[in-house]
Every structure is written in structure tokens, then in C-alpha cells.
Amino acid sequence: MALWRWRDASGYTKKKEIEKMEKRTKDRIEKSREAMGMLSAKRKKK
């Protein structure tokens, strides 16, 4: 219980949630670009 309180009080939980949402957004954009035939920044670097 103490760990959960600390995570909520420190903003750790919210930060992880935001990071997860940002990753989903980036993945969705990447998938859309690939579907349109555009090369992504990830593919260009390889």
C-alpha cells in the first residue's frame, strides 16, 4: 500500500500512463506511414 501511495503522490503512475499513450500514438503514426508507403524516420536510419 505504501508503494502505491508513493507512486500516486510522486506522479510516477501518471508519468508512466502518459509515456504509454505517447508510444501508442507514435506506433499508430508509424503504421499509417508504412501503409501509405512512406518511409519512416526509423527505417531511414537503419
PDB file of N, CA and C in Angstrom:
ATOM      1  N   MET A   1       0.811  -1.197   0.000  1.00  0.00           N
ATOM      2  CA  MET A   1       0.000   0.000   0.000  1.00  0.00           C
ATOM      3  C   MET A   1       0.859   1.267   0.000  1.00  0.00           C
ATOM      4  N   ALA A   2       1.915   1.237   0.760  1.00  0.00           N
ATOM      5  CA  ALA A   2       2.766   2.424   0.829  1.00  0.00           C
ATOM      6  C   ALA A   2       3.375   2.739  -0.535  1.00  0.00           C
ATOM      7  N   LEU A   3       3.724   1.692  -1.259  1.00  0.00           N
ATOM      8  CA  LEU A   3       4.303   1.899  -2.589  1.00  0.00           C
ATOM      9  C   LEU A   3       3.294   2.579  -3.514  1.00  0.00           C
ATOM     10  N   TRP A   4       2.055   2.147  -3.463  1.00  0.00           N
ATOM     11  CA  TRP A   4       1.021   2.757  -4.305  1.00  0.00           C
ATOM     12  C   TRP A   4       0.816   4.221  -3.948  1.00  0.00           C
ATOM     13  N   ARG A   5       0.810   4.511  -2.666  1.00  0.00           N
ATOM     14  CA  ARG A   5       0.643   5.909  -2.233  1.00  0.00           C
ATOM     15  C   ARG A   5       1.792   6.761  -2.741  1.00  0.00           C
ATOM     16  N   TRP A   6       3.007   6.227  -2.611  1.00  0.00           N
ATOM     17  CA  TRP A   6       4.167   6.983  -3.077  1.00  0.00           C
ATOM     18  C   TRP A   6       4.083   7.227  -4.575  1.00  0.00           C
ATOM     19  N   ARG A   7       3.714   6.184  -5.329  1.00  0.00           N
ATOM     20  CA  ARG A   7       3.619   6.336  -6.781  1.00  0.00           C
ATOM     21  C   ARG A   7       2.590   7.386  -7.165  1.00  0.00           C
ATOM     22  N   ASP A   8       1.446   7.370  -6.520  1.00  0.00           N
ATOM     23  CA  ASP A   8       0.406   8.356  -6.826  1.00  0.00           C
ATOM     24  C   ASP A   8       0.833   9.757  -6.410  1.00  0.00           C
ATOM     25  N   ALA A   9       1.415   9.872  -5.236  1.00  0.00           N
ATOM     26  CA  ALA A   9       1.819  11.187  -4.727  1.00  0.00           C
ATOM     27  C   ALA A   9       2.954  11.793  -5.552  1.00  0.00           C
ATOM     28  N   SER A  10       3.855  10.965  -6.030  1.00  0.00           N
ATOM     29  CA  SER A  10       5.012  11.476  -6.767  1.00  0.00           C
ATOM     30  C   SER A  10       4.708  11.740  -8.239  1.00  0.00           C
ATOM     31  N   GLY A  11       3.571  11.236  -8.717  1.00  0.00           N
ATOM     32  CA  GLY A  11       3.235  11.416 -10.120  1.00  0.00           C
ATOM     33  C   GLY A  11       3.790  10.315 -11.003  1.00  0.00           C
ATOM     34  N   TYR A  12       4.390   9.308 -10.393  1.00  0.00           N
ATOM     35  CA  TYR A  12       5.001   8.207 -11.144  1.00  0.00           C
ATOM     36  C   TYR A  12       3.976   7.500 -12.020  1.00  0.00           C
ATOM     37  N   THR A  13       2.819   7.196 -11.455  1.00  0.00           N
ATOM     38  CA  THR A  13       1.777   6.470 -12.188  1.00  0.00           C
ATOM     39  C   THR A  13       1.319   7.272 -13.401  1.00  0.00           C
ATOM     40  N   LYS A  14       1.075   8.554 -13.211  1.00  0.00           N
ATOM     41  CA  LYS A  14       0.615   9.409 -14.306  1.00  0.00           C
ATOM     42  C   LYS A  14       1.682   9.520 -15.393  1.00  0.00           C
ATOM     43  N   LYS A  15       2.926   9.633 -14.981  1.00  0.00           N
ATOM     44  CA  LYS A  15       4.028   9.729 -15.941  1.00  0.00           C
ATOM     45  C   LYS A  15       4.094   8.481 -16.815  1.00  0.00           C
ATOM     46  N   LYS A  16       3.979   7.318 -16.201  1.00  0.00           N
ATOM     47  CA  LYS A  16       4.019   6.063 -16.955  1.00  0.00           C
ATOM     48  C   LYS A  16       2.831   5.961 -17.903  1.00  0.00           C
ATOM     49  N   GLU A  17       1.669   6.428 -17.461  1.00  0.00           N
ATOM     50  CA  GLU A  17       0.477   6.407 -18.305  1.00  0.00           C
ATOM     51  C   GLU A  17       0.677   7.298 -19.528  1.00  0.00           C
ATOM     52  N   ILE A  18       1.240   8.470 -19.329  1.00  0.00           N
ATOM     53  CA  ILE A  18       1.490   9.400 -20.434  1.00  0.00           C
ATOM     54  C   ILE A  18       2.508   8.809 -21.409  1.00  0.00           C
ATOM     55  N   GLU A  19       3.568   8.195 -20.883  1.00  0.00           N
ATOM     56  CA  GLU A  19       4.570   7.571 -21.753  1.00  0.00           C
ATOM     57  C   GLU A  19       3.950   6.468 -22.600  1.00  0.00           C
ATOM     58  N   LYS A  20       3.064   5.690 -21.995  1.00  0.00           N
ATOM     59  CA  LYS A  20       2.392   4.605 -22.708  1.00  0.00           C
ATOM     60  C   LYS A  20       1.517   5.156 -23.833  1.00  0.00           C
ATOM     61  N   MET A  21       0.787   6.245 -23.553  1.00  0.00           N
ATOM     62  CA  MET A  21      -0.072   6.860 -24.565  1.00  0.00           C
ATOM     63  C   MET A  21       0.763   7.437 -25.704  1.00  0.00           C
ATOM     64  N   GLU A  22       1.887   8.075 -25.381  1.00  0.00           N
ATOM     65  CA  GLU A  22       2.758   8.637 -26.412  1.00  0.00           C
ATOM     66  C   GLU A  22       3.326   7.543 -27.311  1.00  0.00           C
ATOM     67  N   LYS A  23       3.690   6.413 -26.722  1.00  0.00           N
ATOM     68  CA  LYS A  23       4.209   5.300 -27.513  1.00  0.00           C
ATOM     69  C   LYS A  23       3.137   4.773 -28.457  1.00  0.00           C
ATOM     70  N   ARG A  24       1.905   4.644 -27.967  1.00  0.00           N
ATOM     71  CA  ARG A  24       0.811   4.181 -28.824  1.00  0.00           C
ATOM     72  C   ARG A  24       0.597   5.131 -29.991  1.00  0.00           C
ATOM     73  N   THR A  25       0.651   6.432 -29.713  1.00  0.00           N
ATOM     74  CA  THR A  25       0.461   7.435 -30.758  1.00  0.00           C
ATOM     75  C   THR A  25       1.563   7.329 -31.806  1.00  0.00           C
ATOM     76  N   LYS A  26       2.806   7.224 -31.357  1.00  0.00           N
ATOM     77  CA  LYS A  26       3.926   7.101 -32.295  1.00  0.00           C
ATOM     78  C   LYS A  26       3.808   5.837 -33.128  1.00  0.00           C
ATOM     79  N   ASP A  27       3.423   4.738 -32.485  1.00  0.00           N
ATOM     80  CA  ASP A  27       3.260   3.477 -33.215  1.00  0.00           C
ATOM     81  C   ASP A  27       2.149   3.578 -34.255  1.00  0.00           C
ATOM     82  N   ARG A  28       1.058   4.252 -33.895  1.00  0.00           N
ATOM     83  CA  ARG A  28      -0.063   4.419 -34.824  1.00  0.00           C
ATOM     84  C   ARG A  28       0.355   5.269 -36.021  1.00  0.00           C
ATOM     85  N   ILE A  29       1.090   6.331 -35.774  1.00  0.00           N
ATOM     86  CA  ILE A  29       1.574   7.190 -36.856  1.00  0.00           C
ATOM     87  C   ILE A  29       2.522   6.403 -37.757  1.00  0.00           C
ATOM     88  N   GLU A  30       3.404   5.632 -37.147  1.00  0.00           N
ATOM     89  CA  GLU A  30       4.350   4.807 -37.902  1.00  0.00           C
ATOM     90  C   GLU A  30       3.606   3.816 -38.792  1.00  0.00           C
ATOM     91  N   LYS A  31       2.604   3.182 -38.246  1.00  0.00           N
ATOM     92  CA  LYS A  31       1.821   2.209 -39.007  1.00  0.00           C
ATOM     93  C   LYS A  31       1.115   2.885 -40.182  1.00  0.00           C
ATOM     94  N   SER A  32       0.586   4.074 -39.952  1.00  0.00           N
ATOM     95  CA  SER A  32      -0.095   4.813 -41.018  1.00  0.00           C
ATOM     96  C   SER A  32       0.874   5.187 -42.132  1.00  0.00           C
ATOM     97  N   ARG A  33       2.056   5.631 -41.753  1.00  0.00           N
ATOM     98  CA  ARG A  33       3.065   5.996 -42.756  1.00  0.00           C
ATOM     99  C   ARG A  33       3.461   4.795 -43.597  1.00  0.00           C
ATOM    100  N   GLU A  34       3.644   3.659 -42.942  1.00  0.00           N
ATOM    101  CA  GLU A  34       4.009   2.454 -43.680  1.00  0.00           C
ATOM    102  C   GLU A  34       2.892   2.041 -44.627  1.00  0.00           C
ATOM    103  N   ALA A  35       1.646   2.202 -44.191  1.00  0.00           N
ATOM    104  CA  ALA A  35       0.502   1.845 -45.029  1.00  0.00           C
ATOM    105  C   ALA A  35       0.418   2.738 -46.263  1.00  0.00           C
ATOM    106  N   MET A  36       0.857   3.990 -46.129  1.00  0.00           N
ATOM    107  CA  MET A  36       0.831   4.917 -47.259  1.00  0.00           C
ATOM    108  C   MET A  36       2.072   4.775 -48.139  1.00  0.00           C
ATOM    109  N   GLY A  37       3.005   3.951 -47.703  1.00  0.00           N
ATOM    110  CA  GLY A  37       4.206   3.739 -48.496  1.00  0.00           C
ATOM    111  C   GLY A  37       5.308   4.733 -48.215  1.00  0.00           C
ATOM    112  N   MET A  38       5.158   5.500 -47.167  1.00  0.00           N
ATOM    113  CA  MET A  38       6.189   6.472 -46.813  1.00  0.00           C
ATOM    114  C   MET A  38       7.209   5.801 -45.906  1.00  0.00           C
ATOM    115  N   LEU A  39       8.464   6.143 -46.089  1.00  0.00           N
ATOM    116  CA  LEU A  39       9.487   5.618 -45.203  1.00  0.00           C
ATOM    117  C   LEU A  39       9.473   6.405 -43.909  1.00  0.00           C
ATOM    118  N   SER A  40       9.624   5.720 -42.832  1.00  0.00           N
ATOM    119  CA  SER A  40       9.639   6.392 -41.542  1.00  0.00           C
ATOM    120  C   SER A  40      11.055   6.798 -41.179  1.00  0.00           C
ATOM    121  N   ALA A  41      11.171   7.607 -40.155  1.00  0.00           N
ATOM    122  CA  ALA A  41      12.482   8.030 -39.674  1.00  0.00           C
ATOM    123  C   ALA A  41      13.267   6.829 -39.161  1.00  0.00           C
ATOM    124  N   LYS A  42      12.592   5.871 -38.564  1.00  0.00           N
ATOM    125  CA  LYS A  42      13.259   4.676 -38.054  1.00  0.00           C
ATOM    126  C   LYS A  42      13.885   3.884 -39.193  1.00  0.00           C
ATOM    127  N   ARG A  43      13.164   3.737 -40.274  1.00  0.00           N
ATOM    128  CA  ARG A  43      13.647   2.939 -41.400  1.00  0.00           C
ATOM    129  C   ARG A  43      14.821   3.623 -42.102  1.00  0.00           C
ATOM    130  N   LYS A  44      14.803   4.945 -42.166  1.00  0.00           N
ATOM    131  CA  LYS A  44      15.864   5.674 -42.856  1.00  0.00           C
ATOM    132  C   LYS A  44      17.198   5.533 -42.133  1.00  0.00           C
ATOM    133  N   LYS A  45      17.162   5.473 -40.808  1.00  0.00           N
ATOM    134  CA  LYS A  45      18.385   5.414 -40.029  1.00  0.00           C
ATOM    135  C   LYS A  45      19.081   4.073 -40.139  1.00  0.00           C
ATOM    136  N   LYS A  46      18.334   3.019 -40.422  1.00  0.00           N
ATOM    137  CA  LYS A  46      18.926   1.674 -40.452  1.00  0.00           C
ATOM    138  C   LYS A  46      19.784   1.448 -41.642  1.00  0.00           C
TER     139      LYS A  46
END
